[in-house]
Amino acid sequence: MLHLISTLEKAGGAQRLLLSILAGLPQYRHTVAVLTGALELRSELEAIGATVLDLRARSLFDPFGVW
C-alpha cells in the first residue's frame, strides 16, 4: 500500500493522521512516499514497519518528483 504525502513534519495534522492510520493496521506492509520537506516522522513510521521513500522533489509541482 503506497501513501503519498508532501512532508513528514511532526506538527502536521495530515502527517499525524497518516501515522495513526498506519499504526492501526499493523498486519499490512506500507510504503510512504514523501515529495518534499521535512522527514521528522521518518523514524516513527519506520518503527511501525513503514518504508519511507524520499522523492526529493524540488517543489510540490516538480514533474520529475514522482518519476
PDB file of N, CA and C in Angstrom:
ATOM      1  N   MET A   1       0.855  -1.152   0.000  1.00  0.00           N
ATOM      2  CA  MET A   1       0.000   0.000   0.000  1.00  0.00           C
ATOM      3  C   MET A   1       0.906   1.220   0.000  1.00  0.00           C
ATOM      4  N   LEU A   2       0.702   2.109  -0.943  1.00  0.00           N
ATOM      5  CA  LEU A   2       1.508   3.322  -1.052  1.00  0.00           C
ATOM      6  C   LEU A   2       0.717   4.519  -0.544  1.00  0.00           C
ATOM      7  N   HIS A   3       1.336   5.283   0.349  1.00  0.00           N
ATOM      8  CA  HIS A   3       0.751   6.523   0.855  1.00  0.00           C
ATOM      9  C   HIS A   3       1.658   7.650   0.395  1.00  0.00           C
ATOM     10  N   LEU A   4       1.117   8.604  -0.324  1.00  0.00           N
ATOM     11  CA  LEU A   4       1.888   9.729  -0.850  1.00  0.00           C
ATOM     12  C   LEU A   4       1.543  10.975  -0.048  1.00  0.00           C
ATOM     13  N   ILE A   5       2.567  11.651   0.488  1.00  0.00           N
ATOM     14  CA  ILE A   5       2.342  12.830   1.318  1.00  0.00           C
ATOM     15  C   ILE A   5       3.429  13.850   0.997  1.00  0.00           C
ATOM     16  N   SER A   6       3.120  15.131   1.176  1.00  0.00           N
ATOM     17  CA  SER A   6       4.076  16.172   0.787  1.00  0.00           C
ATOM     18  C   SER A   6       5.264  16.275   1.738  1.00  0.00           C
ATOM     19  N   THR A   7       5.059  16.235   3.045  1.00  0.00           N
ATOM     20  CA  THR A   7       6.149  16.314   4.025  1.00  0.00           C
ATOM     21  C   THR A   7       5.826  15.417   5.210  1.00  0.00           C
ATOM     22  N   LEU A   8       6.802  15.210   6.076  1.00  0.00           N
ATOM     23  CA  LEU A   8       6.587  14.452   7.310  1.00  0.00           C
ATOM     24  C   LEU A   8       6.949  15.307   8.521  1.00  0.00           C
ATOM     25  N   GLU A   9       6.335  16.481   8.607  1.00  0.00           N
ATOM     26  CA  GLU A   9       6.567  17.370   9.740  1.00  0.00           C
ATOM     27  C   GLU A   9       5.829  16.848  10.961  1.00  0.00           C
ATOM     28  N   LYS A  10       6.476  16.910  12.122  1.00  0.00           N
ATOM     29  CA  LYS A  10       5.857  16.409  13.357  1.00  0.00           C
ATOM     30  C   LYS A  10       4.594  17.156  13.728  1.00  0.00           C
ATOM     31  N   ALA A  11       4.533  18.439  13.423  1.00  0.00           N
ATOM     32  CA  ALA A  11       3.388  19.250  13.832  1.00  0.00           C
ATOM     33  C   ALA A  11       2.215  19.152  12.863  1.00  0.00           C
ATOM     34  N   GLY A  12       2.414  18.536  11.707  1.00  0.00           N
ATOM     35  CA  GLY A  12       1.369  18.498  10.695  1.00  0.00           C
ATOM     36  C   GLY A  12       0.235  17.547  11.038  1.00  0.00           C
ATOM     37  N   GLY A  13      -1.003  18.012  10.853  1.00  0.00           N
ATOM     38  CA  GLY A  13      -2.173  17.185  11.151  1.00  0.00           C
ATOM     39  C   GLY A  13      -2.303  15.994  10.218  1.00  0.00           C
ATOM     40  N   ALA A  14      -2.080  16.199   8.917  1.00  0.00           N
ATOM     41  CA  ALA A  14      -2.180  15.105   7.947  1.00  0.00           C
ATOM     42  C   ALA A  14      -1.105  14.059   8.220  1.00  0.00           C
ATOM     43  N   GLN A  15       0.066  14.505   8.627  1.00  0.00           N
ATOM     44  CA  GLN A  15       1.163  13.594   8.910  1.00  0.00           C
ATOM     45  C   GLN A  15       0.859  12.738  10.141  1.00  0.00           C
ATOM     46  N   ARG A  16       0.320  13.368  11.172  1.00  0.00           N
ATOM     47  CA  ARG A  16      -0.060  12.641  12.386  1.00  0.00           C
ATOM     48  C   ARG A  16      -1.204  11.661  12.091  1.00  0.00           C
ATOM     49  N   LEU A  17      -2.145  12.057  11.253  1.00  0.00           N
ATOM     50  CA  LEU A  17      -3.243  11.171  10.886  1.00  0.00           C
ATOM     51  C   LEU A  17      -2.708   9.954  10.141  1.00  0.00           C
ATOM     52  N   LEU A  18      -1.791  10.172   9.214  1.00  0.00           N
ATOM     53  CA  LEU A  18      -1.192   9.059   8.481  1.00  0.00           C
ATOM     54  C   LEU A  18      -0.498   8.103   9.443  1.00  0.00           C
ATOM     55  N   LEU A  19       0.262   8.628  10.393  1.00  0.00           N
ATOM     56  CA  LEU A  19       0.933   7.792  11.374  1.00  0.00           C
ATOM     57  C   LEU A  19      -0.075   6.975  12.182  1.00  0.00           C
ATOM     58  N   SER A  20      -1.173   7.593  12.584  1.00  0.00           N
ATOM     59  CA  SER A  20      -2.211   6.889  13.348  1.00  0.00           C
ATOM     60  C   SER A  20      -2.863   5.784  12.530  1.00  0.00           C
ATOM     61  N   ILE A  21      -3.145   6.077  11.266  1.00  0.00           N
ATOM     62  CA  ILE A  21      -3.767   5.074  10.393  1.00  0.00           C
ATOM     63  C   ILE A  21      -2.841   3.875  10.225  1.00  0.00           C
ATOM     64  N   LEU A  22      -1.573   4.151   9.937  1.00  0.00           N
ATOM     65  CA  LEU A  22      -0.629   3.055   9.716  1.00  0.00           C
ATOM     66  C   LEU A  22      -0.390   2.251  10.983  1.00  0.00           C
ATOM     67  N   ALA A  23      -0.366   2.912  12.127  1.00  0.00           N
ATOM     68  CA  ALA A  23      -0.182   2.209  13.393  1.00  0.00           C
ATOM     69  C   ALA A  23      -1.369   1.303  13.704  1.00  0.00           C
ATOM     70  N   GLY A  24      -2.549   1.669  13.224  1.00  0.00           N
ATOM     71  CA  GLY A  24      -3.743   0.867  13.450  1.00  0.00           C
ATOM     72  C   GLY A  24      -3.896  -0.309  12.507  1.00  0.00           C
ATOM     73  N   LEU A  25      -3.013  -0.418  11.519  1.00  0.00           N
ATOM     74  CA  LEU A  25      -3.074  -1.513  10.547  1.00  0.00           C
ATOM     75  C   LEU A  25      -1.746  -2.281  10.516  1.00  0.00           C
ATOM     76  N   PRO A  26      -1.345  -2.866  11.646  1.00  0.00           N
ATOM     77  CA  PRO A  26      -0.016  -3.471  11.716  1.00  0.00           C
ATOM     78  C   PRO A  26       0.166  -4.720  10.848  1.00  0.00           C
ATOM     79  N   GLN A  27      -0.917  -5.325  10.407  1.00  0.00           N
ATOM     80  CA  GLN A  27      -0.783  -6.540   9.620  1.00  0.00           C
ATOM     81  C   GLN A  27      -0.419  -6.270   8.155  1.00  0.00           C
ATOM     82  N   TYR A  28      -0.389  -5.009   7.750  1.00  0.00           N
ATOM     83  CA  TYR A  28      -0.072  -4.651   6.378  1.00  0.00           C
ATOM     84  C   TYR A  28       1.319  -4.052   6.282  1.00  0.00           C
ATOM     85  N   ARG A  29       1.939  -4.190   5.119  1.00  0.00           N
ATOM     86  CA  ARG A  29       3.231  -3.544   4.854  1.00  0.00           C
ATOM     87  C   ARG A  29       2.921  -2.241   4.124  1.00  0.00           C
ATOM     88  N   HIS A  30       3.549  -1.139   4.535  1.00  0.00           N
ATOM     89  CA  HIS A  30       3.247   0.171   3.984  1.00  0.00           C
ATOM     90  C   HIS A  30       4.492   0.819   3.407  1.00  0.00           C
ATOM     91  N   THR A  31       4.294   1.598   2.358  1.00  0.00           N
ATOM     92  CA  THR A  31       5.339   2.453   1.813  1.00  0.00           C
ATOM     93  C   THR A  31       4.804   3.871   1.824  1.00  0.00           C
ATOM     94  N   VAL A  32       5.574   4.785   2.393  1.00  0.00           N
ATOM     95  CA  VAL A  32       5.199   6.191   2.440  1.00  0.00           C
ATOM     96  C   VAL A  32       6.173   6.943   1.546  1.00  0.00           C
ATOM     97  N   ALA A  33       5.661   7.614   0.523  1.00  0.00           N
ATOM     98  CA  ALA A  33       6.496   8.409  -0.372  1.00  0.00           C
ATOM     99  C   ALA A  33       6.337   9.874   0.004  1.00  0.00           C
ATOM    100  N   VAL A  34       7.450  10.539   0.268  1.00  0.00           N
ATOM    101  CA  VAL A  34       7.449  11.934   0.686  1.00  0.00           C
ATOM    102  C   VAL A  34       7.979  12.779  -0.459  1.00  0.00           C
ATOM    103  N   LEU A  35       7.184  13.766  -0.906  1.00  0.00           N
ATOM    104  CA  LEU A  35       7.613  14.592  -2.032  1.00  0.00           C
ATOM    105  C   LEU A  35       8.697  15.577  -1.651  1.00  0.00           C
ATOM    106  N   THR A  36       8.446  16.402  -0.673  1.00  0.00           N
ATOM    107  CA  THR A  36       9.393  17.463  -0.303  1.00  0.00           C
ATOM    108  C   THR A  36       9.348  17.698   1.193  1.00  0.00           C
ATOM    109  N   GLY A  37      10.285  18.474   1.670  1.00  0.00           N
ATOM    110  CA  GLY A  37      10.198  18.970   3.033  1.00  0.00           C
ATOM    111  C   GLY A  37      10.747  18.055   4.091  1.00  0.00           C
ATOM    112  N   ALA A  38      10.311  18.300   5.306  1.00  0.00           N
ATOM    113  CA  ALA A  38      10.846  17.637   6.492  1.00  0.00           C
ATOM    114  C   ALA A  38      10.525  16.147   6.510  1.00  0.00           C
ATOM    115  N   LEU A  39      11.439  15.393   7.098  1.00  0.00           N
ATOM    116  CA  LEU A  39      11.245  13.952   7.284  1.00  0.00           C
ATOM    117  C   LEU A  39      11.267  13.612   8.778  1.00  0.00           C
ATOM    118  N   GLU A  40      10.733  14.522   9.598  1.00  0.00           N
ATOM    119  CA  GLU A  40      10.818  14.391  11.048  1.00  0.00           C
ATOM    120  C   GLU A  40      10.150  13.118  11.573  1.00  0.00           C
ATOM    121  N   LEU A  41       9.103  12.639  10.936  1.00  0.00           N
ATOM    122  CA  LEU A  41       8.395  11.457  11.420  1.00  0.00           C
ATOM    123  C   LEU A  41       8.940  10.158  10.825  1.00  0.00           C
ATOM    124  N   ARG A  42      10.023  10.239  10.078  1.00  0.00           N
ATOM    125  CA  ARG A  42      10.573   9.048   9.421  1.00  0.00           C
ATOM    126  C   ARG A  42      10.819   7.904  10.405  1.00  0.00           C
ATOM    127  N   SER A  43      11.502   8.180  11.496  1.00  0.00           N
ATOM    128  CA  SER A  43      11.838   7.110  12.447  1.00  0.00           C
ATOM    129  C   SER A  43      10.582   6.507  13.083  1.00  0.00           C
ATOM    130  N   GLU A  44       9.572   7.339  13.351  1.00  0.00           N
ATOM    131  CA  GLU A  44       8.330   6.818  13.927  1.00  0.00           C
ATOM    132  C   GLU A  44       7.591   5.918  12.944  1.00  0.00           C
ATOM    133  N   LEU A  45       7.581   6.296  11.662  1.00  0.00           N
ATOM    134  CA  LEU A  45       6.932   5.463  10.650  1.00  0.00           C
ATOM    135  C   LEU A  45       7.693   4.161  10.438  1.00  0.00           C
ATOM    136  N   GLU A  46       9.012   4.236  10.398  1.00  0.00           N
ATOM    137  CA  GLU A  46       9.805   3.025  10.221  1.00  0.00           C
ATOM    138  C   GLU A  46       9.664   2.086  11.422  1.00  0.00           C
ATOM    139  N   ALA A  47       9.452   2.652  12.612  1.00  0.00           N
ATOM    140  CA  ALA A  47       9.277   1.836  13.816  1.00  0.00           C
ATOM    141  C   ALA A  47       8.012   0.985  13.768  1.00  0.00           C
ATOM    142  N   ILE A  48       7.010   1.421  13.005  1.00  0.00           N
ATOM    143  CA  ILE A  48       5.780   0.630  12.886  1.00  0.00           C
ATOM    144  C   ILE A  48       5.754  -0.191  11.603  1.00  0.00           C
ATOM    145  N   GLY A  49       6.899  -0.265  10.901  1.00  0.00           N
ATOM    146  CA  GLY A  49       7.003  -1.135   9.739  1.00  0.00           C
ATOM    147  C   GLY A  49       6.819  -0.486   8.389  1.00  0.00           C
ATOM    148  N   ALA A  50       6.719   0.835   8.336  1.00  0.00           N
ATOM    149  CA  ALA A  50       6.566   1.521   7.050  1.00  0.00           C
ATOM    150  C   ALA A  50       7.942   1.781   6.438  1.00  0.00           C
ATOM    151  N   THR A  51       8.010   1.715   5.127  1.00  0.00           N
ATOM    152  CA  THR A  51       9.206   2.098   4.396  1.00  0.00           C
ATOM    153  C   THR A  51       8.995   3.525   3.919  1.00  0.00           C
ATOM    154  N   VAL A  52       9.941   4.418   4.189  1.00  0.00           N
ATOM    155  CA  VAL A  52       9.811   5.828   3.811  1.00  0.00           C
ATOM    156  C   VAL A  52      10.733   6.102   2.630  1.00  0.00           C
ATOM    157  N   LEU A  53      10.150   6.585   1.536  1.00  0.00           N
ATOM    158  CA  LEU A  53      10.898   6.943   0.336  1.00  0.00           C
ATOM    159  C   LEU A  53      10.916   8.454   0.203  1.00  0.00           C
ATOM    160  N   ASP A  54      12.081   9.053   0.165  1.00  0.00           N
ATOM    161  CA  ASP A  54      12.210  10.500  -0.023  1.00  0.00           C
ATOM    162  C   ASP A  54      12.371  10.756  -1.517  1.00  0.00           C
ATOM    163  N   LEU A  55      11.346  11.302  -2.160  1.00  0.00           N
ATOM    164  CA  LEU A  55      11.369  11.522  -3.604  1.00  0.00           C
ATOM    165  C   LEU A  55      12.152  12.765  -3.997  1.00  0.00           C
ATOM    166  N   ARG A  56      12.503  13.593  -3.027  1.00  0.00           N
ATOM    167  CA  ARG A  56      13.355  14.769  -3.232  1.00  0.00           C
ATOM    168  C   ARG A  56      12.898  15.693  -4.365  1.00  0.00           C
ATOM    169  N   ALA A  57      11.630  15.903  -4.462  1.00  0.00           N
ATOM    170  CA  ALA A  57      11.116  16.861  -5.439  1.00  0.00           C
ATOM    171  C   ALA A  57      11.561  18.258  -5.037  1.00  0.00           C
ATOM    172  N   ARG A  58      11.807  19.104  -5.994  1.00  0.00           N
ATOM    173  CA  ARG A  58      12.227  20.481  -5.694  1.00  0.00           C
ATOM    174  C   ARG A  58      11.076  21.340  -5.196  1.00  0.00           C
ATOM    175  N   SER A  59       9.862  20.961  -5.553  1.00  0.00           N
ATOM    176  CA  SER A  59       8.665  21.648  -5.080  1.00  0.00           C
ATOM    177  C   SER A  59       7.505  20.668  -5.188  1.00  0.00           C
ATOM    178  N   LEU A  60       6.343  21.063  -4.700  1.00  0.00           N
ATOM    179  CA  LEU A  60       5.176  20.182  -4.794  1.00  0.00           C
ATOM    180  C   LEU A  60       4.738  19.961  -6.235  1.00  0.00           C
ATOM    181  N   PHE A  61       5.161  20.835  -7.147  1.00  0.00           N
ATOM    182  CA  PHE A  61       4.739  20.744  -8.545  1.00  0.00           C
ATOM    183  C   PHE A  61       5.893  20.334  -9.458  1.00  0.00           C
ATOM    184  N   ASP A  62       6.915  19.682  -8.909  1.00  0.00           N
ATOM    185  CA  ASP A  62       8.047  19.206  -9.694  1.00  0.00           C
ATOM    186  C   ASP A  62       7.609  17.997 -10.522  1.00  0.00           C
ATOM    187  N   PRO A  63       7.549  18.102 -11.856  1.00  0.00           N
ATOM    188  CA  PRO A  63       7.080  16.983 -12.673  1.00  0.00           C
ATOM    189  C   PRO A  63       7.978  15.754 -12.592  1.00  0.00           C
ATOM    190  N   PHE A  64       9.235  15.930 -12.179  1.00  0.00           N
ATOM    191  CA  PHE A  64      10.145  14.804 -12.072  1.00  0.00           C
ATOM    192  C   PHE A  64      10.146  14.178 -10.682  1.00  0.00           C
ATOM    193  N   GLY A  65       9.409  14.768  -9.754  1.00  0.00           N
ATOM    194  CA  GLY A  65       9.356  14.281  -8.396  1.00  0.00           C
ATOM    195  C   GLY A  65       8.802  12.870  -8.285  1.00  0.00           C
ATOM    196  N   VAL A  66       7.765  12.574  -9.017  1.00  0.00           N
ATOM    197  CA  VAL A  66       7.148  11.253  -8.962  1.00  0.00           C
ATOM    198  C   VAL A  66       7.887  10.279  -9.880  1.00  0.00           C
ATOM    199  N   TRP A  67       8.580  10.792 -10.863  1.00  0.00           N
ATOM    200  CA  TRP A  67       9.331   9.948 -11.791  1.00  0.00           C
ATOM    201  C   TRP A  67      10.275   9.072 -11.019  1.00  0.00           C
TER     202      TRP A  67
END
